[in-house]
């Protein structure tokens, strides 16, 4: 089944915006890459800004979908953290440009940073924070754990890997699924630490 012009524009724009940033991509280039008339950008999105917002929504709304699925399950605090880590891996696999779009918005934010990026990142932060807070309250996690710091550090551990992946894969051991292997090991270090319990 042939894709409609709106879908073609979002797919073409995702790659172009991720690789070159919002300002460096022209309406003409967007239309040519999508193989559609440039007037359709205004028709579907009201202009280049609207198309960019639609691209970010299409990519980042999946975070909310993953969180919503997790919230419907009866999971322990640690199981929710593990579920979220697996979901992050799947999100990056399905959306290879996600981390580039995020990095661009973090380093050179557009108006969409406030309207799209913050909205979805806040949902992710709240989900992780709540998981840690419940774990502390139930005695599952250490009573000295600050859920706010824990949530930010976990997000950093997971997402920095995808930013640094082109370099990191030169240093990491070969694995069938390198992303999953890294995230599993990183989560294990994060939750259990690196020091032997009996070490003095």
N, C-alpha and C. Protein backbone atom coordinates (compact mmCIF):
# COMPACT_ATOMS: atom_id res chain seq x y z
N UNK A 1 0.85 -1.19 0.00
CA UNK A 1 0.00 0.00 0.00
C UNK A 1 0.89 1.25 0.00
N UNK A 2 0.59 2.16 -0.91
CA UNK A 2 1.40 3.36 -1.05
C UNK A 2 1.16 4.30 0.13
N UNK A 3 2.24 4.89 0.59
CA UNK A 3 2.16 5.82 1.72
C UNK A 3 1.53 7.13 1.26
N UNK A 4 0.76 7.76 2.16
CA UNK A 4 0.18 9.05 1.80
C UNK A 4 1.24 10.14 1.92
N UNK A 5 0.92 11.31 1.38
CA UNK A 5 1.90 12.40 1.33
C UNK A 5 2.31 12.87 2.72
N UNK A 6 1.40 12.84 3.67
CA UNK A 6 1.72 13.27 5.04
C UNK A 6 2.78 12.34 5.65
N UNK A 7 2.58 11.04 5.49
CA UNK A 7 3.53 10.06 6.01
C UNK A 7 4.88 10.20 5.32
N UNK A 8 4.87 10.39 4.00
CA UNK A 8 6.12 10.56 3.26
C UNK A 8 6.90 11.78 3.76
N UNK A 9 6.19 12.86 4.03
CA UNK A 9 6.84 14.08 4.51
C UNK A 9 7.45 13.87 5.90
N UNK A 10 6.72 13.22 6.79
CA UNK A 10 7.24 12.98 8.14
C UNK A 10 8.47 12.09 8.09
N UNK A 11 8.43 11.04 7.28
CA UNK A 11 9.58 10.14 7.18
C UNK A 11 10.80 10.84 6.59
N UNK A 12 10.60 11.59 5.51
CA UNK A 12 11.72 12.31 4.89
C UNK A 12 12.26 13.38 5.83
N UNK A 13 11.37 14.09 6.49
CA UNK A 13 11.77 15.17 7.38
C UNK A 13 12.49 14.65 8.61
N UNK A 14 12.11 13.48 9.10
CA UNK A 14 12.76 12.91 10.28
C UNK A 14 14.25 12.73 10.02
N UNK A 15 14.58 12.15 8.89
CA UNK A 15 15.99 11.93 8.54
C UNK A 15 16.72 13.26 8.32
N UNK A 16 16.14 14.16 7.59
CA UNK A 16 16.79 15.43 7.28
C UNK A 16 16.99 16.29 8.52
N UNK A 17 15.95 16.42 9.33
CA UNK A 17 16.05 17.25 10.54
C UNK A 17 17.05 16.63 11.54
N UNK A 18 17.04 15.31 11.64
CA UNK A 18 17.95 14.65 12.59
C UNK A 18 19.40 14.84 12.17
N UNK A 19 19.67 14.75 10.88
CA UNK A 19 21.04 14.83 10.39
C UNK A 19 21.57 16.26 10.32
N UNK A 20 20.68 17.23 10.02
CA UNK A 20 21.19 18.58 9.75
C UNK A 20 20.59 19.67 10.61
N UNK A 21 19.58 19.35 11.39
CA UNK A 21 18.95 20.37 12.23
C UNK A 21 17.83 21.09 11.50
N UNK A 22 16.98 21.73 12.28
CA UNK A 22 15.78 22.37 11.72
C UNK A 22 16.12 23.48 10.72
N UNK A 23 17.01 24.38 11.09
CA UNK A 23 17.25 25.57 10.26
C UNK A 23 17.96 25.26 8.95
N UNK A 24 18.75 24.19 8.90
CA UNK A 24 19.55 23.90 7.71
C UNK A 24 18.77 23.21 6.60
N UNK A 25 17.54 22.83 6.88
CA UNK A 25 16.74 22.09 5.89
C UNK A 25 15.70 23.02 5.28
N UNK A 26 15.65 23.05 3.95
CA UNK A 26 14.70 23.92 3.26
C UNK A 26 13.40 23.18 2.95
N UNK A 27 12.35 23.96 2.71
CA UNK A 27 11.05 23.39 2.33
C UNK A 27 11.18 22.64 1.01
N UNK A 28 11.93 23.21 0.09
CA UNK A 28 12.12 22.56 -1.21
C UNK A 28 12.79 21.19 -1.04
N UNK A 29 13.83 21.14 -0.21
CA UNK A 29 14.54 19.89 0.02
C UNK A 29 13.63 18.85 0.68
N UNK A 30 12.82 19.29 1.63
CA UNK A 30 11.89 18.39 2.29
C UNK A 30 10.92 17.77 1.29
N UNK A 31 10.37 18.61 0.41
CA UNK A 31 9.41 18.14 -0.59
C UNK A 31 10.06 17.20 -1.59
N UNK A 32 11.26 17.56 -2.06
CA UNK A 32 11.95 16.73 -3.04
C UNK A 32 12.30 15.36 -2.46
N UNK A 33 12.79 15.35 -1.22
CA UNK A 33 13.15 14.09 -0.59
C UNK A 33 11.93 13.20 -0.39
N UNK A 34 10.79 13.81 -0.05
CA UNK A 34 9.55 13.06 0.14
C UNK A 34 8.88 12.69 -1.18
N UNK A 35 9.30 13.37 -2.25
CA UNK A 35 8.69 13.12 -3.55
C UNK A 35 7.28 13.66 -3.68
N UNK A 36 7.05 14.84 -3.05
CA UNK A 36 5.73 15.46 -3.10
C UNK A 36 5.86 16.94 -3.44
N UNK A 37 4.75 17.55 -3.73
CA UNK A 37 4.71 18.98 -4.00
C UNK A 37 4.94 19.75 -2.69
N UNK A 38 5.76 20.81 -2.75
CA UNK A 38 6.09 21.58 -1.55
C UNK A 38 4.86 22.22 -0.90
N UNK A 39 3.81 22.46 -1.68
CA UNK A 39 2.60 23.07 -1.13
C UNK A 39 1.93 22.16 -0.10
N UNK A 40 2.22 20.88 -0.17
CA UNK A 40 1.63 19.93 0.77
C UNK A 40 2.16 20.10 2.20
N UNK A 41 3.32 20.73 2.33
CA UNK A 41 3.86 20.99 3.67
C UNK A 41 2.95 21.97 4.40
N UNK A 42 2.54 23.02 3.70
CA UNK A 42 1.60 23.97 4.30
C UNK A 42 0.23 23.35 4.48
N UNK A 43 -0.18 22.56 3.51
CA UNK A 43 -1.51 21.94 3.56
C UNK A 43 -1.64 21.01 4.78
N UNK A 44 -0.65 20.17 4.99
CA UNK A 44 -0.72 19.19 6.08
C UNK A 44 -0.28 19.75 7.44
N UNK A 45 0.71 20.65 7.42
CA UNK A 45 1.35 21.04 8.68
C UNK A 45 1.36 22.55 8.95
N UNK A 46 0.90 23.34 7.99
CA UNK A 46 0.91 24.79 8.18
C UNK A 46 2.27 25.42 7.99
N UNK A 47 3.25 24.65 7.51
CA UNK A 47 4.59 25.19 7.27
C UNK A 47 5.67 24.25 7.82
N UNK A 48 6.92 24.67 7.63
CA UNK A 48 8.05 23.85 8.06
C UNK A 48 8.05 23.63 9.57
N UNK A 49 7.69 24.65 10.34
CA UNK A 49 7.67 24.53 11.80
C UNK A 49 6.68 23.45 12.24
N UNK A 50 5.52 23.43 11.59
CA UNK A 50 4.51 22.42 11.91
C UNK A 50 4.96 21.02 11.56
N UNK A 51 5.68 20.91 10.45
CA UNK A 51 6.21 19.60 10.05
C UNK A 51 7.25 19.13 11.06
N UNK A 52 8.10 20.04 11.51
CA UNK A 52 9.11 19.69 12.50
C UNK A 52 8.45 19.22 13.81
N UNK A 53 7.42 19.94 14.22
CA UNK A 53 6.69 19.54 15.43
C UNK A 53 6.07 18.16 15.26
N UNK A 54 5.53 17.89 14.08
CA UNK A 54 4.93 16.58 13.81
C UNK A 54 5.99 15.47 13.86
N UNK A 55 7.17 15.77 13.37
CA UNK A 55 8.28 14.80 13.42
C UNK A 55 8.62 14.48 14.87
N UNK A 56 8.77 15.51 15.70
CA UNK A 56 9.10 15.29 17.11
C UNK A 56 7.98 14.53 17.83
N UNK A 57 6.74 14.90 17.55
CA UNK A 57 5.60 14.19 18.17
C UNK A 57 5.61 12.72 17.78
N UNK A 58 5.85 12.44 16.50
CA UNK A 58 5.83 11.05 16.02
C UNK A 58 6.90 10.22 16.70
N UNK A 59 8.05 10.82 16.98
CA UNK A 59 9.15 10.09 17.60
C UNK A 59 9.03 10.01 19.11
N UNK A 60 8.71 11.13 19.76
CA UNK A 60 8.74 11.18 21.22
C UNK A 60 7.45 10.70 21.87
N UNK A 61 6.35 10.67 21.14
CA UNK A 61 5.10 10.19 21.73
C UNK A 61 5.19 8.72 22.09
N UNK A 62 6.13 8.01 21.50
CA UNK A 62 6.29 6.59 21.80
C UNK A 62 6.80 6.37 23.22
N UNK A 63 7.46 7.38 23.77
CA UNK A 63 7.87 7.31 25.17
C UNK A 63 6.62 7.21 26.05
N UNK A 64 5.65 8.08 25.77
CA UNK A 64 4.41 8.08 26.54
C UNK A 64 3.67 6.76 26.38
N UNK A 65 3.71 6.17 25.20
CA UNK A 65 3.04 4.88 24.96
C UNK A 65 3.68 3.78 25.81
N UNK A 66 5.01 3.79 25.88
CA UNK A 66 5.71 2.77 26.67
C UNK A 66 5.39 2.93 28.16
N UNK A 67 5.36 4.17 28.62
CA UNK A 67 5.05 4.43 30.03
C UNK A 67 3.62 4.03 30.35
N UNK A 68 2.70 4.35 29.47
CA UNK A 68 1.30 4.00 29.67
C UNK A 68 1.13 2.48 29.78
N UNK A 69 1.86 1.73 28.94
CA UNK A 69 1.79 0.27 28.98
C UNK A 69 2.31 -0.26 30.32
N UNK A 70 3.42 0.34 30.79
CA UNK A 70 4.01 -0.10 32.06
C UNK A 70 3.10 0.20 33.24
N UNK A 71 2.42 1.33 33.19
CA UNK A 71 1.56 1.72 34.31
C UNK A 71 0.33 0.82 34.44
N UNK A 72 -0.01 0.11 33.38
CA UNK A 72 -1.16 -0.80 33.43
C UNK A 72 -0.80 -2.15 34.05
N UNK A 73 0.51 -2.39 34.19
CA UNK A 73 0.96 -3.65 34.76
C UNK A 73 1.18 -3.49 36.27
N UNK A 74 1.06 -4.58 36.98
CA UNK A 74 1.34 -4.59 38.41
C UNK A 74 2.80 -5.00 38.60
N UNK A 75 3.70 -4.03 38.55
CA UNK A 75 5.13 -4.30 38.63
C UNK A 75 5.73 -3.72 39.90
N UNK A 76 6.74 -4.38 40.41
CA UNK A 76 7.49 -3.84 41.55
C UNK A 76 8.29 -2.63 41.06
N UNK A 77 8.79 -1.80 41.97
CA UNK A 77 9.59 -0.65 41.54
C UNK A 77 10.78 -1.05 40.65
N UNK A 78 11.51 -2.09 41.05
CA UNK A 78 12.65 -2.50 40.22
C UNK A 78 12.20 -3.04 38.87
N UNK A 79 11.10 -3.79 38.85
CA UNK A 79 10.59 -4.33 37.59
C UNK A 79 10.18 -3.19 36.65
N UNK A 80 9.64 -2.11 37.20
CA UNK A 80 9.29 -0.95 36.37
C UNK A 80 10.54 -0.31 35.77
N UNK A 81 11.61 -0.23 36.56
CA UNK A 81 12.87 0.33 36.06
C UNK A 81 13.42 -0.56 34.95
N UNK A 82 13.38 -1.87 35.16
CA UNK A 82 13.86 -2.80 34.14
C UNK A 82 13.01 -2.74 32.87
N UNK A 83 11.69 -2.63 33.06
CA UNK A 83 10.79 -2.51 31.92
C UNK A 83 11.12 -1.26 31.12
N UNK A 84 11.33 -0.16 31.82
CA UNK A 84 11.62 1.11 31.15
C UNK A 84 12.93 1.03 30.38
N UNK A 85 13.93 0.38 30.96
CA UNK A 85 15.22 0.23 30.28
C UNK A 85 15.06 -0.55 28.97
N UNK A 86 14.29 -1.63 29.01
CA UNK A 86 14.04 -2.40 27.79
C UNK A 86 13.26 -1.57 26.78
N UNK A 87 12.32 -0.79 27.27
CA UNK A 87 11.53 0.06 26.37
C UNK A 87 12.40 1.10 25.68
N UNK A 88 13.36 1.65 26.40
CA UNK A 88 14.29 2.63 25.80
C UNK A 88 15.06 1.98 24.66
N UNK A 89 15.53 0.75 24.88
CA UNK A 89 16.26 0.04 23.83
C UNK A 89 15.38 -0.14 22.59
N UNK A 90 14.15 -0.57 22.81
CA UNK A 90 13.22 -0.78 21.68
C UNK A 90 12.95 0.54 20.96
N UNK A 91 12.74 1.60 21.73
CA UNK A 91 12.48 2.92 21.13
C UNK A 91 13.62 3.36 20.22
N UNK A 92 14.84 3.17 20.69
CA UNK A 92 15.99 3.57 19.87
C UNK A 92 16.17 2.68 18.65
N UNK A 93 15.83 1.41 18.78
CA UNK A 93 15.90 0.50 17.63
C UNK A 93 14.87 0.90 16.57
N UNK A 94 13.66 1.20 17.03
CA UNK A 94 12.59 1.54 16.09
C UNK A 94 12.73 2.96 15.54
N UNK A 95 13.40 3.81 16.30
CA UNK A 95 13.55 5.22 15.91
C UNK A 95 15.02 5.61 15.94
N UNK A 96 15.79 5.21 14.91
CA UNK A 96 17.23 5.45 14.94
C UNK A 96 17.62 6.93 14.98
N UNK A 97 16.69 7.80 14.63
CA UNK A 97 17.00 9.23 14.65
C UNK A 97 16.57 9.91 15.95
N UNK A 98 15.96 9.15 16.85
CA UNK A 98 15.45 9.72 18.10
C UNK A 98 16.53 10.44 18.90
N UNK A 99 17.68 9.80 19.08
CA UNK A 99 18.72 10.40 19.91
C UNK A 99 19.32 11.64 19.26
N UNK A 100 19.37 11.67 17.93
CA UNK A 100 19.90 12.85 17.24
C UNK A 100 18.93 14.03 17.37
N UNK A 101 17.65 13.73 17.27
CA UNK A 101 16.66 14.79 17.45
C UNK A 101 16.71 15.33 18.88
N UNK A 102 16.85 14.43 19.84
CA UNK A 102 16.93 14.84 21.24
C UNK A 102 18.18 15.66 21.48
N UNK A 103 19.31 15.19 21.00
CA UNK A 103 20.58 15.90 21.20
C UNK A 103 20.52 17.30 20.61
N UNK A 104 19.94 17.42 19.41
CA UNK A 104 19.83 18.72 18.75
C UNK A 104 18.96 19.66 19.58
N UNK A 105 17.85 19.15 20.10
CA UNK A 105 16.96 20.00 20.89
C UNK A 105 17.58 20.37 22.24
N UNK A 106 18.41 19.50 22.80
CA UNK A 106 19.06 19.82 24.06
C UNK A 106 20.16 20.86 23.89
N UNK A 107 20.87 20.79 22.77
CA UNK A 107 22.00 21.70 22.56
C UNK A 107 21.62 22.97 21.82
N UNK A 108 20.58 22.91 21.00
CA UNK A 108 20.16 24.08 20.23
C UNK A 108 18.63 24.08 20.15
N UNK A 109 17.97 24.34 21.28
CA UNK A 109 16.51 24.18 21.34
C UNK A 109 15.73 25.13 20.43
N UNK A 110 14.65 24.58 19.90
CA UNK A 110 13.69 25.38 19.15
C UNK A 110 12.48 25.61 20.05
N UNK A 111 11.44 26.22 19.51
CA UNK A 111 10.21 26.43 20.27
C UNK A 111 9.59 25.09 20.67
N UNK A 112 9.88 24.04 19.92
CA UNK A 112 9.33 22.71 20.20
C UNK A 112 9.94 22.08 21.45
N UNK A 113 11.03 22.61 21.93
CA UNK A 113 11.62 22.06 23.15
C UNK A 113 10.62 22.18 24.30
N UNK A 114 9.96 23.33 24.39
CA UNK A 114 8.99 23.57 25.46
C UNK A 114 7.69 22.81 25.23
N UNK A 115 7.24 22.76 23.98
CA UNK A 115 5.92 22.18 23.71
C UNK A 115 5.91 20.68 23.51
N UNK A 116 7.02 20.11 23.04
CA UNK A 116 7.05 18.67 22.75
C UNK A 116 8.06 17.94 23.63
N UNK A 117 9.31 18.33 23.53
CA UNK A 117 10.38 17.59 24.21
C UNK A 117 10.18 17.55 25.72
N UNK A 118 9.95 18.71 26.33
CA UNK A 118 9.77 18.75 27.79
C UNK A 118 8.57 17.92 28.22
N UNK A 119 7.52 17.95 27.43
CA UNK A 119 6.31 17.20 27.77
C UNK A 119 6.60 15.71 27.92
N UNK A 120 7.28 15.13 26.94
CA UNK A 120 7.53 13.69 26.99
C UNK A 120 8.66 13.32 27.94
N UNK A 121 9.70 14.15 28.02
CA UNK A 121 10.78 13.86 28.96
C UNK A 121 10.29 13.99 30.40
N UNK A 122 9.37 14.92 30.63
CA UNK A 122 8.79 15.07 31.97
C UNK A 122 7.99 13.83 32.36
N UNK A 123 7.29 13.24 31.40
CA UNK A 123 6.54 12.02 31.67
C UNK A 123 7.48 10.88 32.03
N UNK A 124 8.60 10.78 31.29
CA UNK A 124 9.58 9.73 31.56
C UNK A 124 10.20 9.94 32.94
N UNK A 125 10.56 11.19 33.23
CA UNK A 125 11.16 11.50 34.54
C UNK A 125 10.20 11.15 35.67
N UNK A 126 8.94 11.53 35.52
CA UNK A 126 7.94 11.27 36.55
C UNK A 126 7.77 9.77 36.79
N UNK A 127 7.78 9.01 35.72
CA UNK A 127 7.63 7.56 35.83
C UNK A 127 8.80 6.95 36.60
N UNK A 128 10.03 7.35 36.23
CA UNK A 128 11.21 6.82 36.91
C UNK A 128 11.27 7.30 38.35
N UNK A 129 10.99 8.58 38.55
CA UNK A 129 11.01 9.15 39.91
C UNK A 129 10.02 8.40 40.81
N UNK A 130 8.82 8.21 40.32
CA UNK A 130 7.79 7.52 41.10
C UNK A 130 8.21 6.10 41.45
N UNK A 131 8.86 5.43 40.50
CA UNK A 131 9.32 4.06 40.75
C UNK A 131 10.35 4.04 41.87
N UNK A 132 11.29 4.96 41.82
CA UNK A 132 12.30 5.02 42.89
C UNK A 132 11.69 5.44 44.22
N UNK A 133 10.81 6.43 44.19
CA UNK A 133 10.18 6.91 45.43
C UNK A 133 9.40 5.79 46.10
N UNK A 134 8.65 5.02 45.32
CA UNK A 134 7.88 3.90 45.89
C UNK A 134 8.81 2.82 46.43
N UNK A 135 9.94 2.62 45.72
CA UNK A 135 10.91 1.64 46.19
C UNK A 135 11.55 2.03 47.50
N UNK A 136 11.83 3.31 47.67
CA UNK A 136 12.39 3.82 48.92
C UNK A 136 11.36 3.69 50.04
N UNK A 137 10.12 4.09 49.76
CA UNK A 137 9.05 4.06 50.77
C UNK A 137 8.75 2.65 51.24
N UNK A 138 8.88 1.68 50.34
CA UNK A 138 8.57 0.28 50.70
C UNK A 138 9.77 -0.44 51.30
N UNK A 139 10.93 0.22 51.31
CA UNK A 139 12.13 -0.41 51.84
C UNK A 139 12.87 -1.25 50.82
N UNK A 140 12.41 -1.24 49.57
CA UNK A 140 13.05 -2.03 48.52
C UNK A 140 14.38 -1.42 48.12
N UNK A 141 14.41 -0.09 48.03
CA UNK A 141 15.65 0.63 47.74
C UNK A 141 16.18 1.28 49.02
N UNK A 142 17.43 1.67 48.98
CA UNK A 142 18.08 2.28 50.14
C UNK A 142 17.32 3.51 50.61
N UNK A 143 17.21 3.71 51.93
CA UNK A 143 16.52 4.90 52.44
C UNK A 143 17.27 6.19 52.17
N UNK A 144 18.55 6.08 51.82
CA UNK A 144 19.33 7.29 51.52
C UNK A 144 19.24 7.69 50.05
N UNK A 145 18.56 6.87 49.24
CA UNK A 145 18.43 7.16 47.82
C UNK A 145 17.52 8.36 47.60
N UNK A 146 17.98 9.33 46.84
CA UNK A 146 17.15 10.48 46.45
C UNK A 146 16.55 10.16 45.09
N UNK A 147 15.23 9.99 45.00
CA UNK A 147 14.60 9.60 43.73
C UNK A 147 14.88 10.57 42.58
N UNK A 148 15.03 11.86 42.88
CA UNK A 148 15.29 12.83 41.82
C UNK A 148 16.66 12.59 41.19
N UNK A 149 17.69 12.46 42.02
CA UNK A 149 19.03 12.18 41.50
C UNK A 149 19.08 10.84 40.81
N UNK A 150 18.40 9.85 41.39
CA UNK A 150 18.40 8.50 40.82
C UNK A 150 17.78 8.51 39.42
N UNK A 151 16.68 9.24 39.26
CA UNK A 151 16.00 9.29 37.96
C UNK A 151 16.87 9.95 36.90
N UNK A 152 17.50 11.07 37.26
CA UNK A 152 18.35 11.78 36.29
C UNK A 152 19.57 10.94 35.92
N UNK A 153 20.20 10.30 36.91
CA UNK A 153 21.40 9.51 36.60
C UNK A 153 21.07 8.30 35.74
N UNK A 154 19.93 7.64 35.99
CA UNK A 154 19.54 6.50 35.17
C UNK A 154 19.29 6.94 33.73
N UNK A 155 18.58 8.04 33.55
CA UNK A 155 18.33 8.55 32.19
C UNK A 155 19.64 8.87 31.49
N UNK A 156 20.59 9.44 32.23
CA UNK A 156 21.88 9.76 31.64
C UNK A 156 22.65 8.53 31.21
N UNK A 157 22.67 7.52 32.07
CA UNK A 157 23.37 6.27 31.76
C UNK A 157 22.81 5.63 30.49
N UNK A 158 21.49 5.64 30.36
CA UNK A 158 20.87 4.98 29.21
C UNK A 158 21.04 5.79 27.93
N UNK A 159 20.75 7.08 27.99
CA UNK A 159 20.73 7.87 26.76
C UNK A 159 22.11 8.31 26.29
N UNK A 160 23.06 8.51 27.22
CA UNK A 160 24.39 8.90 26.78
C UNK A 160 25.00 7.83 25.89
N UNK A 161 24.71 6.58 26.19
CA UNK A 161 25.23 5.49 25.36
C UNK A 161 24.83 5.68 23.90
N UNK A 162 23.58 6.03 23.66
CA UNK A 162 23.12 6.16 22.28
C UNK A 162 23.73 7.38 21.60
N UNK A 163 24.04 8.42 22.37
CA UNK A 163 24.74 9.57 21.81
C UNK A 163 26.17 9.18 21.45
N UNK A 164 26.83 8.44 22.35
CA UNK A 164 28.24 8.08 22.18
C UNK A 164 28.43 6.77 21.42
N UNK A 165 27.37 6.14 20.97
CA UNK A 165 27.47 4.80 20.37
C UNK A 165 28.47 4.69 19.23
N UNK A 166 28.55 5.66 18.30
CA UNK A 166 29.53 5.51 17.22
C UNK A 166 30.96 5.34 17.73
N UNK A 167 31.28 5.95 18.85
CA UNK A 167 32.60 5.79 19.46
C UNK A 167 32.63 4.60 20.40
N UNK A 168 31.59 4.46 21.22
CA UNK A 168 31.55 3.42 22.25
C UNK A 168 31.66 2.02 21.66
N UNK A 169 31.07 1.77 20.49
CA UNK A 169 31.09 0.42 19.94
C UNK A 169 32.50 -0.02 19.56
N UNK A 170 33.46 0.94 19.45
CA UNK A 170 34.85 0.58 19.20
C UNK A 170 35.52 0.00 20.43
N UNK A 171 34.97 0.26 21.61
CA UNK A 171 35.60 -0.18 22.86
C UNK A 171 34.86 -1.33 23.53
N UNK A 172 33.62 -1.53 23.18
CA UNK A 172 32.82 -2.57 23.84
C UNK A 172 33.05 -3.92 23.18
N UNK A 173 32.95 -4.99 23.97
CA UNK A 173 33.12 -6.33 23.37
C UNK A 173 32.01 -6.64 22.38
N UNK A 174 32.35 -7.48 21.40
CA UNK A 174 31.35 -7.85 20.39
C UNK A 174 30.19 -8.57 21.07
N UNK A 175 28.98 -8.25 20.63
CA UNK A 175 27.78 -8.90 21.17
C UNK A 175 26.74 -8.98 20.08
N UNK A 176 25.89 -10.00 20.17
CA UNK A 176 24.85 -10.18 19.16
C UNK A 176 23.94 -8.95 19.10
N UNK A 177 23.56 -8.45 20.25
CA UNK A 177 22.78 -7.23 20.34
C UNK A 177 23.51 -6.30 21.30
N UNK A 178 24.39 -5.48 20.75
CA UNK A 178 25.26 -4.64 21.57
C UNK A 178 24.45 -3.69 22.45
N UNK A 179 23.40 -3.10 21.90
CA UNK A 179 22.60 -2.15 22.68
C UNK A 179 21.99 -2.82 23.91
N UNK A 180 21.38 -3.98 23.70
CA UNK A 180 20.76 -4.69 24.82
C UNK A 180 21.81 -5.13 25.83
N UNK A 181 22.96 -5.61 25.33
CA UNK A 181 24.04 -6.04 26.22
C UNK A 181 24.52 -4.89 27.08
N UNK A 182 24.71 -3.72 26.44
CA UNK A 182 25.17 -2.56 27.21
C UNK A 182 24.14 -2.17 28.27
N UNK A 183 22.88 -2.05 27.86
CA UNK A 183 21.84 -1.60 28.79
C UNK A 183 21.66 -2.57 29.96
N UNK A 184 21.74 -3.87 29.68
CA UNK A 184 21.64 -4.85 30.76
C UNK A 184 22.79 -4.71 31.75
N UNK A 185 24.02 -4.56 31.22
CA UNK A 185 25.18 -4.42 32.09
C UNK A 185 25.13 -3.09 32.85
N UNK A 186 24.77 -2.02 32.16
CA UNK A 186 24.69 -0.71 32.80
C UNK A 186 23.64 -0.71 33.91
N UNK A 187 22.50 -1.35 33.66
CA UNK A 187 21.45 -1.41 34.68
C UNK A 187 21.89 -2.25 35.88
N UNK A 188 22.61 -3.33 35.60
CA UNK A 188 23.12 -4.16 36.68
C UNK A 188 24.10 -3.37 37.55
N UNK A 189 25.00 -2.64 36.92
CA UNK A 189 25.95 -1.80 37.67
C UNK A 189 25.18 -0.74 38.45
N UNK A 190 24.21 -0.16 37.80
CA UNK A 190 23.43 0.91 38.43
C UNK A 190 22.69 0.42 39.67
N UNK A 191 22.05 -0.73 39.55
CA UNK A 191 21.23 -1.24 40.66
C UNK A 191 22.06 -1.95 41.73
N UNK A 192 23.16 -2.58 41.33
CA UNK A 192 23.92 -3.40 42.28
C UNK A 192 25.29 -2.84 42.66
N UNK A 193 25.77 -1.89 41.90
CA UNK A 193 27.10 -1.34 42.17
C UNK A 193 28.20 -2.22 41.60
N UNK A 194 29.44 -1.78 41.73
CA UNK A 194 30.57 -2.52 41.20
C UNK A 194 31.46 -3.09 42.31
N UNK A 195 31.20 -2.72 43.55
CA UNK A 195 32.06 -3.19 44.64
C UNK A 195 31.56 -4.52 45.18
N UNK A 196 32.47 -5.44 45.45
CA UNK A 196 32.10 -6.70 46.09
C UNK A 196 31.61 -6.44 47.49
N UNK A 197 30.54 -7.11 47.89
CA UNK A 197 29.93 -6.86 49.20
C UNK A 197 30.90 -7.15 50.34
N UNK A 198 31.70 -8.21 50.20
CA UNK A 198 32.59 -8.61 51.29
C UNK A 198 33.96 -7.93 51.24
N UNK A 199 34.14 -7.03 50.29
CA UNK A 199 35.45 -6.36 50.17
C UNK A 199 35.67 -5.43 51.35
N UNK A 200 36.89 -5.43 51.87
CA UNK A 200 37.22 -4.55 52.99
C UNK A 200 38.37 -3.63 52.59
